[in-house]
Amino acid sequence: EAMIDRSVKDEYLRLAEEEGFTPLPYGAEIDRFQHAPLSEVSSALLVGLALMIYVLARSPGISEGTVRVLEASTSAINALFTIDYLARWWCHGLRLNYLLNPIMIADLLSILPFLLRPWVSEVSELELTFLKLIRVQRIYRFFRPKAFKSILRILLGPDQAQPYEDGLQEVRPYQLQVLRTFGVVFTLLFITAALFYEAEQVVNPQFGDIFSSFYFSTIALSTVGFGDIAPMTPQGRLVITVAVIVGLCLIPSEASLVAAAISEEQRLQDEQEAEKALAEAERAEAQLAWDAARIAELEDQTREERARLVELEEQAKSWGQKDSTKSSSEA
């Protein structure tokens, strides 16, 4: 444990030297905690809970009391996200240029309405927690068989994780790639729908709930465009324009990754079938060789038996001639 802590501190000091910031107290420990698989999985689950609350609070038929409870839950989650944001900034020496990191900008935007709400009334109805989905993309690196096994051992322990590890043997890499692609496309769709809803909900009666925004975003990103719903605000038009451009670049790229993964899986299956066929051919050839050797052995035994029979017949004839000669002499 001491060696692990020492290696973590050494790595943190190297990071501080490379990025040019002054290490702060407990920076290495906090950085290690935030980048641990269990912490990242927990953060992703918390983001998932925040998304569920966001959708539920903007669904039709929800009472005001339930909405207030959901808003309080969202505020608590935003408080946790704020602590996480400040802790990551602390780990990097409170450098201002680190805040310009794209992920840090997205995280700041996700909690900005929560921070400004007490002083800026214009953002009282604005909620951008769903932007945390951008950070959740990091968790997709665990969507590999070995990474899954590591997470299971951390969450459940080696003994309890063993049955699940056996089940993971059936999971193929292309299936995980399909899951990663679905996550990326879902992230684009959800963020587009939520941003569009936040831009249109006040002035556009067509978007009375979040599901209408999901419907429109799906139609827009798929470039179908039924024309039954249209944005009214400049912000909504901007969101859809950017989302369609990003989708046109991102979705074909993700689809190509899925196609490549499926092709690789097909190639591996073909190689396995070819190896199996070769092994069967080798076994058949070995069997034929053994059968040929056995036939040759049996033929040799047959020849020996025939030779033995001929020899016995000659001996019998010889004994018969002797008996005939002896009988003639006695007569």
C-alpha atoms as a PDB file:
ATOM      1  CA  GLU A   1       0.000   0.000   0.000  1.00  0.00           C
ATOM      2  CA  ALA A   2       2.848   2.365   0.855  1.00  0.00           C
ATOM      3  CA  MET A   3       4.526   1.624  -2.486  1.00  0.00           C
ATOM      4  CA  ILE A   4       1.253   2.343  -4.323  1.00  0.00           C
ATOM      5  CA  ASP A   5       0.820   5.647  -2.483  1.00  0.00           C
ATOM      6  CA  ARG A   6       4.387   6.571  -3.297  1.00  0.00           C
ATOM      7  CA  SER A   7       3.924   5.773  -6.993  1.00  0.00           C
ATOM      8  CA  VAL A   8       0.714   7.837  -7.065  1.00  0.00           C
ATOM      9  CA  LYS A   9       2.494  10.822  -5.537  1.00  0.00           C
ATOM     10  CA  ASP A  10       5.414  10.452  -7.939  1.00  0.00           C
ATOM     11  CA  GLU A  11       3.031  10.360 -10.891  1.00  0.00           C
ATOM     12  CA  TYR A  12       1.214  13.427  -9.566  1.00  0.00           C
ATOM     13  CA  LEU A  13       4.518  15.279  -9.190  1.00  0.00           C
ATOM     14  CA  ARG A  14       5.453  14.381 -12.779  1.00  0.00           C
ATOM     15  CA  LEU A  15       2.090  15.689 -13.934  1.00  0.00           C
ATOM     16  CA  ALA A  16       2.647  18.919 -12.015  1.00  0.00           C
ATOM     17  CA  GLU A  17       6.082  19.310 -13.589  1.00  0.00           C
ATOM     18  CA  GLU A  18       4.786  18.626 -17.119  1.00  0.00           C
ATOM     19  CA  GLU A  19       1.828  21.018 -16.838  1.00  0.00           C
ATOM     20  CA  GLY A  20       3.751  23.612 -14.840  1.00  0.00           C
ATOM     21  CA  PHE A  21       1.654  23.959 -11.691  1.00  0.00           C
ATOM     22  CA  THR A  22       2.503  23.880  -8.007  1.00  0.00           C
ATOM     23  CA  PRO A  23       1.328  20.692  -6.245  1.00  0.00           C
ATOM     24  CA  LEU A  24      -1.186  21.447  -3.521  1.00  0.00           C
ATOM     25  CA  PRO A  25      -1.778  19.490  -0.300  1.00  0.00           C
ATOM     26  CA  TYR A  26      -3.733  16.251  -0.790  1.00  0.00           C
ATOM     27  CA  GLY A  27      -3.747  16.876  -4.533  1.00  0.00           C
ATOM     28  CA  ALA A  28      -2.345  13.416  -5.317  1.00  0.00           C
ATOM     29  CA  GLU A  29      -4.855  11.667  -3.066  1.00  0.00           C
ATOM     30  CA  ILE A  30      -7.819  13.577  -4.506  1.00  0.00           C
ATOM     31  CA  ASP A  31      -6.638  12.996  -8.067  1.00  0.00           C
ATOM     32  CA  ARG A  32      -6.233   9.278  -7.403  1.00  0.00           C
ATOM     33  CA  PHE A  33      -9.713   9.099  -5.868  1.00  0.00           C
ATOM     34  CA  GLN A  34     -11.349  10.928  -8.771  1.00  0.00           C
ATOM     35  CA  HIS A  35      -9.696   8.741 -11.412  1.00  0.00           C
ATOM     36  CA  ALA A  36     -10.411   5.446  -9.651  1.00  0.00           C
ATOM     37  CA  PRO A  37     -12.774   3.193 -11.638  1.00  0.00           C
ATOM     38  CA  LEU A  38     -15.233   3.032  -8.748  1.00  0.00           C
ATOM     39  CA  SER A  39     -15.381   6.837  -8.521  1.00  0.00           C
ATOM     40  CA  GLU A  40     -15.952   7.218 -12.250  1.00  0.00           C
ATOM     41  CA  VAL A  41     -18.683   4.582 -12.256  1.00  0.00           C
ATOM     42  CA  SER A  42     -20.328   6.273  -9.260  1.00  0.00           C
ATOM     43  CA  SER A  43     -20.143   9.634 -11.021  1.00  0.00           C
ATOM     44  CA  ALA A  44     -21.738   8.141 -14.141  1.00  0.00           C
ATOM     45  CA  LEU A  45     -24.550   6.674 -12.051  1.00  0.00           C
ATOM     46  CA  LEU A  46     -25.092  10.051 -10.416  1.00  0.00           C
ATOM     47  CA  VAL A  47     -25.305  11.652 -13.856  1.00  0.00           C
ATOM     48  CA  GLY A  48     -27.831   9.010 -14.861  1.00  0.00           C
ATOM     49  CA  LEU A  49     -29.917   9.843 -11.792  1.00  0.00           C
ATOM     50  CA  ALA A  50     -29.746  13.541 -12.646  1.00  0.00           C
ATOM     51  CA  LEU A  51     -30.951  12.819 -16.193  1.00  0.00           C
ATOM     52  CA  MET A  52     -33.860  10.760 -14.898  1.00  0.00           C
ATOM     53  CA  ILE A  53     -34.861  13.597 -12.582  1.00  0.00           C
ATOM     54  CA  TYR A  54     -34.537  16.108 -15.413  1.00  0.00           C
ATOM     55  CA  VAL A  55     -36.839  14.108 -17.702  1.00  0.00           C
ATOM     56  CA  LEU A  56     -39.344  13.320 -14.959  1.00  0.00           C
ATOM     57  CA  ALA A  57     -39.608  16.959 -13.851  1.00  0.00           C
ATOM     58  CA  ARG A  58     -40.420  17.993 -17.419  1.00  0.00           C
ATOM     59  CA  SER A  59     -42.917  15.252 -18.153  1.00  0.00           C
ATOM     60  CA  PRO A  60     -46.657  15.921 -18.454  1.00  0.00           C
ATOM     61  CA  GLY A  61     -48.918  15.272 -15.469  1.00  0.00           C
ATOM     62  CA  ILE A  62     -46.314  15.911 -12.738  1.00  0.00           C
ATOM     63  CA  SER A  63     -47.669  17.732  -9.688  1.00  0.00           C
ATOM     64  CA  GLU A  64     -46.050  20.882  -8.317  1.00  0.00           C
ATOM     65  CA  GLY A  65     -45.116  19.121  -5.084  1.00  0.00           C
ATOM     66  CA  THR A  66     -43.290  16.406  -6.981  1.00  0.00           C
ATOM     67  CA  VAL A  67     -41.543  19.016  -9.107  1.00  0.00           C
ATOM     68  CA  ARG A  68     -40.304  20.807  -5.968  1.00  0.00           C
ATOM     69  CA  VAL A  69     -38.911  17.550  -4.591  1.00  0.00           C
ATOM     70  CA  LEU A  70     -37.192  16.822  -7.903  1.00  0.00           C
ATOM     71  CA  GLU A  71     -35.744  20.334  -8.027  1.00  0.00           C
ATOM     72  CA  ALA A  72     -34.366  19.921  -4.504  1.00  0.00           C
ATOM     73  CA  SER A  73     -32.774  16.622  -5.548  1.00  0.00           C
ATOM     74  CA  THR A  74     -31.261  18.301  -8.586  1.00  0.00           C
ATOM     75  CA  SER A  75     -29.823  21.059  -6.384  1.00  0.00           C
ATOM     76  CA  ALA A  76     -28.206  18.449  -4.126  1.00  0.00           C
ATOM     77  CA  ILE A  77     -26.701  16.678  -7.143  1.00  0.00           C
ATOM     78  CA  ASN A  78     -25.450  19.989  -8.535  1.00  0.00           C
ATOM     79  CA  ALA A  79     -23.802  20.697  -5.190  1.00  0.00           C
ATOM     80  CA  LEU A  80     -21.912  17.388  -5.468  1.00  0.00           C
ATOM     81  CA  PHE A  81     -20.922  18.211  -9.037  1.00  0.00           C
ATOM     82  CA  THR A  82     -19.652  21.627  -7.858  1.00  0.00           C
ATOM     83  CA  ILE A  83     -17.472  19.969  -5.206  1.00  0.00           C
ATOM     84  CA  ASP A  84     -16.135  17.577  -7.832  1.00  0.00           C
ATOM     85  CA  TYR A  85     -15.391  20.486 -10.183  1.00  0.00           C
ATOM     86  CA  LEU A  86     -13.507  22.437  -7.511  1.00  0.00           C
ATOM     87  CA  ALA A  87     -11.605  19.320  -6.436  1.00  0.00           C
ATOM     88  CA  ARG A  88     -10.371  18.726  -9.984  1.00  0.00           C
ATOM     89  CA  TRP A  89      -9.299  22.346 -10.221  1.00  0.00           C
ATOM     90  CA  TRP A  90      -7.485  21.991  -6.900  1.00  0.00           C
ATOM     91  CA  CYS A  91      -5.641  18.891  -8.145  1.00  0.00           C
ATOM     92  CA  HIS A  92      -4.267  20.959 -11.022  1.00  0.00           C
ATOM     93  CA  GLY A  93      -2.896  23.724  -8.844  1.00  0.00           C
ATOM     94  CA  LEU A  94      -5.844  26.142  -9.278  1.00  0.00           C
ATOM     95  CA  ARG A  95      -4.459  27.115 -12.684  1.00  0.00           C
ATOM     96  CA  LEU A  96      -6.764  29.414 -14.617  1.00  0.00           C
ATOM     97  CA  ASN A  97      -5.744  27.956 -17.973  1.00  0.00           C
ATOM     98  CA  TYR A  98      -6.883  24.506 -16.793  1.00  0.00           C
ATOM     99  CA  LEU A  99     -10.413  25.903 -16.653  1.00  0.00           C
ATOM    100  CA  LEU A 100     -10.198  26.340 -20.448  1.00  0.00           C
ATOM    101  CA  ASN A 101     -10.065  22.567 -20.880  1.00  0.00           C
ATOM    102  CA  PRO A 102     -13.147  21.575 -22.974  1.00  0.00           C
ATOM    103  CA  ILE A 103     -14.320  19.081 -20.354  1.00  0.00           C
ATOM    104  CA  MET A 104     -13.939  21.669 -17.595  1.00  0.00           C
ATOM    105  CA  ILE A 105     -15.886  24.210 -19.674  1.00  0.00           C
ATOM    106  CA  ALA A 106     -18.711  21.696 -20.168  1.00  0.00           C
ATOM    107  CA  ASP A 107     -18.706  20.898 -16.445  1.00  0.00           C
ATOM    108  CA  LEU A 108     -18.812  24.584 -15.557  1.00  0.00           C
ATOM    109  CA  LEU A 109     -21.731  25.206 -17.915  1.00  0.00           C
ATOM    110  CA  SER A 110     -23.597  22.271 -16.370  1.00  0.00           C
ATOM    111  CA  ILE A 111     -23.459  23.798 -12.870  1.00  0.00           C
ATOM    112  CA  LEU A 112     -23.485  27.498 -13.847  1.00  0.00           C
ATOM    113  CA  PRO A 113     -27.287  27.958 -13.586  1.00  0.00           C
ATOM    114  CA  PHE A 114     -27.148  26.375 -10.118  1.00  0.00           C
ATOM    115  CA  LEU A 115     -24.413  28.807  -9.043  1.00  0.00           C
ATOM    116  CA  LEU A 116     -26.084  31.899 -10.523  1.00  0.00           C
ATOM    117  CA  ARG A 117     -29.665  31.095  -9.522  1.00  0.00           C
ATOM    118  CA  PRO A 118     -29.578  32.942  -6.149  1.00  0.00           C
ATOM    119  CA  TRP A 119     -28.452  36.189  -7.819  1.00  0.00           C
ATOM    120  CA  VAL A 120     -29.689  36.019 -11.446  1.00  0.00           C
ATOM    121  CA  SER A 121     -33.436  35.560 -11.790  1.00  0.00           C
ATOM    122  CA  GLU A 122     -33.204  35.011 -15.549  1.00  0.00           C
ATOM    123  CA  VAL A 123     -31.693  31.558 -15.016  1.00  0.00           C
ATOM    124  CA  SER A 124     -34.178  30.426 -12.382  1.00  0.00           C
ATOM    125  CA  GLU A 125     -35.842  28.029 -14.840  1.00  0.00           C
ATOM    126  CA  LEU A 126     -32.659  27.044 -16.690  1.00  0.00           C
ATOM    127  CA  GLU A 127     -31.118  23.642 -16.035  1.00  0.00           C
ATOM    128  CA  LEU A 128     -27.986  22.335 -17.780  1.00  0.00           C
ATOM    129  CA  THR A 129     -27.076  19.331 -15.636  1.00  0.00           C
ATOM    130  CA  PHE A 130     -27.406  17.089 -18.687  1.00  0.00           C
ATOM    131  CA  LEU A 131     -24.138  18.522 -20.041  1.00  0.00           C
ATOM    132  CA  LYS A 132     -22.389  16.213 -17.570  1.00  0.00           C
ATOM    133  CA  LEU A 133     -23.075  13.517 -20.159  1.00  0.00           C
ATOM    134  CA  ILE A 134     -19.997  14.787 -21.982  1.00  0.00           C
ATOM    135  CA  ARG A 135     -17.793  13.716 -19.077  1.00  0.00           C
ATOM    136  CA  VAL A 136     -19.543  10.353 -18.873  1.00  0.00           C
ATOM    137  CA  GLN A 137     -17.973   9.542 -22.265  1.00  0.00           C
ATOM    138  CA  ARG A 138     -14.808   8.731 -20.305  1.00  0.00           C
ATOM    139  CA  ILE A 139     -16.467   5.655 -18.856  1.00  0.00           C
ATOM    140  CA  TYR A 140     -16.764   4.054 -22.283  1.00  0.00           C
ATOM    141  CA  ARG A 141     -13.096   3.150 -22.082  1.00  0.00           C
ATOM    142  CA  PHE A 142     -14.166   0.500 -19.567  1.00  0.00           C
ATOM    143  CA  PHE A 143     -16.324  -1.154 -22.216  1.00  0.00           C
ATOM    144  CA  ARG A 144     -13.768  -3.865 -22.818  1.00  0.00           C
ATOM    145  CA  PRO A 145     -13.753  -7.400 -21.382  1.00  0.00           C
ATOM    146  CA  LYS A 146     -10.661  -6.891 -19.202  1.00  0.00           C
ATOM    147  CA  ALA A 147     -11.885  -3.516 -17.945  1.00  0.00           C
ATOM    148  CA  PHE A 148     -15.291  -5.024 -17.111  1.00  0.00           C
ATOM    149  CA  LYS A 149     -13.582  -7.709 -15.057  1.00  0.00           C
ATOM    150  CA  SER A 150     -11.564  -5.119 -13.140  1.00  0.00           C
ATOM    151  CA  ILE A 151     -14.689  -3.096 -12.323  1.00  0.00           C
ATOM    152  CA  LEU A 152     -16.558  -6.198 -11.160  1.00  0.00           C
ATOM    153  CA  ARG A 153     -13.700  -7.185  -8.874  1.00  0.00           C
ATOM    154  CA  ILE A 154     -13.622  -3.690  -7.390  1.00  0.00           C
ATOM    155  CA  LEU A 155     -17.391  -3.486  -6.895  1.00  0.00           C
ATOM    156  CA  LEU A 156     -18.115  -7.073  -5.798  1.00  0.00           C
ATOM    157  CA  GLY A 157     -14.811  -8.555  -4.716  1.00  0.00           C
ATOM    158  CA  PRO A 158     -12.856 -11.353  -6.429  1.00  0.00           C
ATOM    159  CA  ASP A 159     -14.997 -14.239  -5.132  1.00  0.00           C
ATOM    160  CA  GLN A 160     -18.419 -12.714  -5.842  1.00  0.00           C
ATOM    161  CA  ALA A 161     -17.291 -11.419  -9.241  1.00  0.00           C
ATOM    162  CA  GLN A 162     -16.156 -14.836 -10.504  1.00  0.00           C
ATOM    163  CA  PRO A 163     -19.606 -16.015 -11.766  1.00  0.00           C
ATOM    164  CA  TYR A 164     -20.081 -12.743 -13.651  1.00  0.00           C
ATOM    165  CA  GLU A 165     -16.578 -12.986 -15.126  1.00  0.00           C
ATOM    166  CA  ASP A 166     -17.460 -16.408 -16.497  1.00  0.00           C
ATOM    167  CA  GLY A 167     -20.520 -14.867 -18.145  1.00  0.00           C
ATOM    168  CA  LEU A 168     -18.393 -12.110 -19.678  1.00  0.00           C
ATOM    169  CA  GLN A 169     -16.512 -14.726 -21.661  1.00  0.00           C
ATOM    170  CA  GLU A 170     -19.496 -14.754 -24.023  1.00  0.00           C
ATOM    171  CA  VAL A 171     -19.369 -10.970 -24.593  1.00  0.00           C
ATOM    172  CA  ARG A 172     -17.696 -10.158 -27.891  1.00  0.00           C
ATOM    173  CA  PRO A 173     -15.705  -6.965 -28.611  1.00  0.00           C
ATOM    174  CA  TYR A 174     -18.068  -5.910 -31.398  1.00  0.00           C
ATOM    175  CA  GLN A 175     -20.976  -6.014 -28.946  1.00  0.00           C
ATOM    176  CA  LEU A 176     -19.147  -3.589 -26.658  1.00  0.00           C
ATOM    177  CA  GLN A 177     -18.416  -1.358 -29.655  1.00  0.00           C
ATOM    178  CA  VAL A 178     -22.134  -1.302 -30.482  1.00  0.00           C
ATOM    179  CA  LEU A 179     -22.821  -0.325 -26.874  1.00  0.00           C
ATOM    180  CA  ARG A 180     -20.219   2.463 -27.010  1.00  0.00           C
ATOM    181  CA  THR A 181     -21.687   3.765 -30.266  1.00  0.00           C
ATOM    182  CA  PHE A 182     -25.175   3.730 -28.786  1.00  0.00           C
ATOM    183  CA  GLY A 183     -23.863   5.723 -25.815  1.00  0.00           C
ATOM    184  CA  VAL A 184     -22.273   8.357 -28.052  1.00  0.00           C
ATOM    185  CA  VAL A 185     -25.388   8.732 -30.204  1.00  0.00           C
ATOM    186  CA  PHE A 186     -27.615   8.828 -27.104  1.00  0.00           C
ATOM    187  CA  THR A 187     -25.426  11.567 -25.627  1.00  0.00           C
ATOM    188  CA  LEU A 188     -25.751  13.668 -28.772  1.00  0.00           C
ATOM    189  CA  LEU A 189     -29.505  13.096 -28.937  1.00  0.00           C
ATOM    190  CA  PHE A 190     -30.150  13.839 -25.247  1.00  0.00           C
ATOM    191  CA  ILE A 191     -28.037  16.999 -25.135  1.00  0.00           C
ATOM    192  CA  THR A 192     -29.626  18.260 -28.362  1.00  0.00           C
ATOM    193  CA  ALA A 193     -33.151  17.572 -27.097  1.00  0.00           C
ATOM    194  CA  ALA A 194     -32.497  19.140 -23.697  1.00  0.00           C
ATOM    195  CA  LEU A 195     -30.800  22.263 -25.091  1.00  0.00           C
ATOM    196  CA  PHE A 196     -33.589  22.679 -27.618  1.00  0.00           C
ATOM    197  CA  TYR A 197     -36.203  22.284 -24.885  1.00  0.00           C
ATOM    198  CA  GLU A 198     -34.502  24.901 -22.702  1.00  0.00           C
ATOM    199  CA  ALA A 199     -34.418  27.292 -25.677  1.00  0.00           C
ATOM    200  CA  GLU A 200     -38.007  26.754 -26.861  1.00  0.00           C
ATOM    201  CA  GLN A 201     -40.152  25.811 -23.877  1.00  0.00           C
ATOM    202  CA  VAL A 202     -41.130  29.368 -22.883  1.00  0.00           C
ATOM    203  CA  VAL A 203     -42.218  30.733 -26.272  1.00  0.00           C
ATOM    204  CA  ASN A 204     -43.023  27.645 -28.349  1.00  0.00           C
ATOM    205  CA  PRO A 205     -46.271  25.869 -27.384  1.00  0.00           C
ATOM    206  CA  GLN A 206     -45.286  22.863 -29.477  1.00  0.00           C
ATOM    207  CA  PHE A 207     -42.733  21.922 -26.828  1.00  0.00           C
ATOM    208  CA  GLY A 208     -44.841  21.570 -23.723  1.00  0.00           C
ATOM    209  CA  ASP A 209     -42.794  18.616 -22.478  1.00  0.00           C
ATOM    210  CA  ILE A 210     -39.362  17.114 -22.978  1.00  0.00           C
ATOM    211  CA  PHE A 211     -40.665  14.215 -25.077  1.00  0.00           C
ATOM    212  CA  SER A 212     -41.737  16.561 -27.858  1.00  0.00           C
ATOM    213  CA  SER A 213     -38.185  17.854 -27.926  1.00  0.00           C
ATOM    214  CA  PHE A 214     -36.836  14.281 -28.084  1.00  0.00           C
ATOM    215  CA  TYR A 215     -39.131  13.584 -31.025  1.00  0.00           C
ATOM    216  CA  PHE A 216     -38.059  16.699 -32.909  1.00  0.00           C
ATOM    217  CA  SER A 217     -34.354  16.122 -32.184  1.00  0.00           C
ATOM    218  CA  THR A 218     -34.547  12.552 -33.452  1.00  0.00           C
ATOM    219  CA  ILE A 219     -36.257  13.678 -36.647  1.00  0.00           C
ATOM    220  CA  ALA A 220     -33.762  16.495 -37.141  1.00  0.00           C
ATOM    221  CA  LEU A 221     -30.620  14.414 -36.488  1.00  0.00           C
ATOM    222  CA  SER A 222     -31.868  11.666 -38.784  1.00  0.00           C
ATOM    223  CA  THR A 223     -32.334  14.372 -41.474  1.00  0.00           C
ATOM    224  CA  VAL A 224     -35.909  13.180 -42.105  1.00  0.00           C
ATOM    225  CA  GLY A 225     -37.607  16.488 -41.337  1.00  0.00           C
ATOM    226  CA  PHE A 226     -41.358  15.894 -41.292  1.00  0.00           C
ATOM    227  CA  GLY A 227     -42.010  19.601 -40.843  1.00  0.00           C
ATOM    228  CA  ASP A 228     -44.757  19.151 -38.236  1.00  0.00           C
ATOM    229  CA  ILE A 229     -42.654  20.912 -35.558  1.00  0.00           C
ATOM    230  CA  ALA A 230     -40.269  23.814 -36.071  1.00  0.00           C
ATOM    231  CA  PRO A 231     -38.110  26.012 -33.811  1.00  0.00           C
ATOM    232  CA  MET A 232     -39.180  29.599 -33.162  1.00  0.00           C
ATOM    233  CA  THR A 233     -36.220  31.093 -31.291  1.00  0.00           C
ATOM    234  CA  PRO A 234     -32.750  31.901 -32.648  1.00  0.00           C
ATOM    235  CA  GLN A 235     -31.275  29.805 -29.845  1.00  0.00           C
ATOM    236  CA  GLY A 236     -33.340  26.788 -30.879  1.00  0.00           C
ATOM    237  CA  ARG A 237     -32.337  27.169 -34.528  1.00  0.00           C
ATOM    238  CA  LEU A 238     -28.691  27.456 -33.506  1.00  0.00           C
ATOM    239  CA  VAL A 239     -28.885  24.326 -31.358  1.00  0.00           C
ATOM    240  CA  ILE A 240     -30.446  22.263 -34.154  1.00  0.00           C
ATOM    241  CA  THR A 241     -28.017  23.615 -36.779  1.00  0.00           C
ATOM    242  CA  VAL A 242     -24.959  22.741 -34.701  1.00  0.00           C
ATOM    243  CA  ALA A 243     -26.421  19.377 -33.676  1.00  0.00           C
ATOM    244  CA  VAL A 244     -27.160  18.361 -37.270  1.00  0.00           C
ATOM    245  CA  ILE A 245     -23.633  19.302 -38.366  1.00  0.00           C
ATOM    246  CA  VAL A 246     -22.106  17.380 -35.473  1.00  0.00           C
ATOM    247  CA  GLY A 247     -24.398  14.444 -36.161  1.00  0.00           C
ATOM    248  CA  LEU A 248     -23.442  14.333 -39.833  1.00  0.00           C
ATOM    249  CA  CYS A 249     -19.794  14.087 -38.790  1.00  0.00           C
ATOM    250  CA  LEU A 250     -20.167  11.882 -35.737  1.00  0.00           C
ATOM    251  CA  ILE A 251     -22.787   9.279 -36.618  1.00  0.00           C
ATOM    252  CA  PRO A 252     -21.092   7.983 -39.828  1.00  0.00           C
ATOM    253  CA  SER A 253     -17.817   7.807 -37.922  1.00  0.00           C
ATOM    254  CA  GLU A 254     -19.386   5.746 -35.156  1.00  0.00           C
ATOM    255  CA  ALA A 255     -21.164   3.567 -37.710  1.00  0.00           C
ATOM    256  CA  SER A 256     -17.831   2.878 -39.412  1.00  0.00           C
ATOM    257  CA  LEU A 257     -16.374   1.778 -36.059  1.00  0.00           C
ATOM    258  CA  VAL A 258     -19.244  -0.656 -35.606  1.00  0.00           C
ATOM    259  CA  ALA A 259     -18.775  -1.957 -39.163  1.00  0.00           C
ATOM    260  CA  ALA A 260     -15.045  -2.378 -38.567  1.00  0.00           C
ATOM    261  CA  ALA A 261     -15.677  -4.215 -35.292  1.00  0.00           C
ATOM    262  CA  ILE A 262     -18.199  -6.546 -36.959  1.00  0.00           C
ATOM    263  CA  SER A 263     -15.791  -7.169 -39.854  1.00  0.00           C
ATOM    264  CA  GLU A 264     -13.015  -7.978 -37.389  1.00  0.00           C
ATOM    265  CA  GLU A 265     -15.339 -10.359 -35.546  1.00  0.00           C
ATOM    266  CA  GLN A 266     -16.258 -12.023 -38.838  1.00  0.00           C
ATOM    267  CA  ARG A 267     -12.578 -12.330 -39.737  1.00  0.00           C
ATOM    268  CA  LEU A 268     -11.805 -13.939 -36.390  1.00  0.00           C
ATOM    269  CA  GLN A 269     -14.703 -16.363 -36.827  1.00  0.00           C
ATOM    270  CA  ASP A 270     -13.496 -17.239 -40.336  1.00  0.00           C
ATOM    271  CA  GLU A 271      -9.991 -17.838 -38.985  1.00  0.00           C
ATOM    272  CA  GLN A 272     -11.374 -20.026 -36.204  1.00  0.00           C
ATOM    273  CA  GLU A 273     -13.447 -21.996 -38.684  1.00  0.00           C
ATOM    274  CA  ALA A 274     -10.436 -22.341 -40.981  1.00  0.00           C
ATOM    275  CA  GLU A 275      -8.271 -23.527 -38.090  1.00  0.00           C
ATOM    276  CA  LYS A 276     -10.998 -25.945 -37.049  1.00  0.00           C
ATOM    277  CA  ALA A 277     -11.303 -27.274 -40.601  1.00  0.00           C
ATOM    278  CA  LEU A 278      -7.509 -27.614 -40.821  1.00  0.00           C
ATOM    279  CA  ALA A 279      -7.432 -29.463 -37.516  1.00  0.00           C
ATOM    280  CA  GLU A 280     -10.210 -31.759 -38.723  1.00  0.00           C
ATOM    281  CA  ALA A 281      -8.305 -32.378 -41.959  1.00  0.00           C
ATOM    282  CA  GLU A 282      -5.135 -33.148 -40.009  1.00  0.00           C
ATOM    283  CA  ARG A 283      -7.052 -35.520 -37.755  1.00  0.00           C
ATOM    284  CA  ALA A 284      -8.631 -37.182 -40.807  1.00  0.00           C
ATOM    285  CA  GLU A 285      -5.229 -37.483 -42.455  1.00  0.00           C
ATOM    286  CA  ALA A 286      -3.766 -38.982 -39.299  1.00  0.00           C
ATOM    287  CA  GLN A 287      -6.692 -41.405 -39.105  1.00  0.00           C
ATOM    288  CA  LEU A 288      -6.185 -42.421 -42.741  1.00  0.00           C
ATOM    289  CA  ALA A 289      -2.491 -42.953 -42.119  1.00  0.00           C
ATOM    290  CA  TRP A 290      -3.265 -45.092 -39.081  1.00  0.00           C
ATOM    291  CA  ASP A 291      -5.878 -47.049 -41.041  1.00  0.00           C
ATOM    292  CA  ALA A 292      -3.380 -47.619 -43.875  1.00  0.00           C
ATOM    293  CA  ALA A 293      -0.744 -48.817 -41.445  1.00  0.00           C
ATOM    294  CA  ARG A 294      -3.281 -51.079 -39.760  1.00  0.00           C
ATOM    295  CA  ILE A 295      -4.385 -52.501 -43.128  1.00  0.00           C
ATOM    296  CA  ALA A 296      -0.767 -53.145 -44.085  1.00  0.00           C
ATOM    297  CA  GLU A 297      -0.234 -54.865 -40.739  1.00  0.00           C
ATOM    298  CA  LEU A 298      -3.323 -56.999 -41.241  1.00  0.00           C
ATOM    299  CA  GLU A 299      -2.196 -57.904 -44.773  1.00  0.00           C
ATOM    300  CA  ASP A 300       1.180 -58.977 -43.390  1.00  0.00           C
ATOM    301  CA  GLN A 301      -0.577 -61.090 -40.777  1.00  0.00           C
ATOM    302  CA  THR A 302      -2.791 -62.603 -43.503  1.00  0.00           C
ATOM    303  CA  ARG A 303       0.231 -63.509 -45.597  1.00  0.00           C
ATOM    304  CA  GLU A 304       1.910 -65.047 -42.578  1.00  0.00           C
ATOM    305  CA  GLU A 305      -1.222 -67.053 -41.773  1.00  0.00           C
ATOM    306  CA  ARG A 306      -1.464 -68.283 -45.356  1.00  0.00           C
ATOM    307  CA  ALA A 307       2.188 -69.242 -45.338  1.00  0.00           C
ATOM    308  CA  ARG A 308       1.607 -71.061 -42.074  1.00  0.00           C
ATOM    309  CA  LEU A 309      -1.404 -72.864 -43.542  1.00  0.00           C
ATOM    310  CA  VAL A 310       0.628 -73.939 -46.582  1.00  0.00           C
ATOM    311  CA  GLU A 311       3.344 -75.198 -44.296  1.00  0.00           C
ATOM    312  CA  LEU A 312       0.836 -77.133 -42.215  1.00  0.00           C
ATOM    313  CA  GLU A 313      -0.729 -78.623 -45.341  1.00  0.00           C
ATOM    314  CA  GLU A 314       2.679 -79.758 -46.567  1.00  0.00           C
ATOM    315  CA  GLN A 315       3.410 -81.286 -43.181  1.00  0.00           C
ATOM    316  CA  ALA A 316       0.030 -83.041 -43.253  1.00  0.00           C
ATOM    317  CA  LYS A 317       0.738 -84.427 -46.722  1.00  0.00           C
ATOM    318  CA  SER A 318       4.174 -85.560 -45.589  1.00  0.00           C
ATOM    319  CA  TRP A 319       2.678 -87.326 -42.559  1.00  0.00           C
ATOM    320  CA  GLY A 320       0.041 -88.913 -44.798  1.00  0.00           C
ATOM    321  CA  GLN A 321       2.635 -90.272 -47.184  1.00  0.00           C
ATOM    322  CA  LYS A 322       4.618 -91.734 -44.288  1.00  0.00           C
ATOM    323  CA  ASP A 323       1.512 -93.463 -42.912  1.00  0.00           C
ATOM    324  CA  SER A 324       0.719 -94.922 -46.352  1.00  0.00           C
ATOM    325  CA  THR A 325       4.252 -96.239 -46.773  1.00  0.00           C
ATOM    326  CA  LYS A 326       4.172 -97.787 -43.288  1.00  0.00           C
ATOM    327  CA  SER A 327       0.851 -99.494 -43.962  1.00  0.00           C
ATOM    328  CA  SER A 328       2.141-100.969 -47.258  1.00  0.00           C
ATOM    329  CA  SER A 329       5.238-102.349 -45.538  1.00  0.00           C
ATOM    330  CA  GLU A 330       3.168-104.047 -42.843  1.00  0.00           C
ATOM    331  CA  ALA A 331       0.931-105.585 -45.482  1.00  0.00           C
END
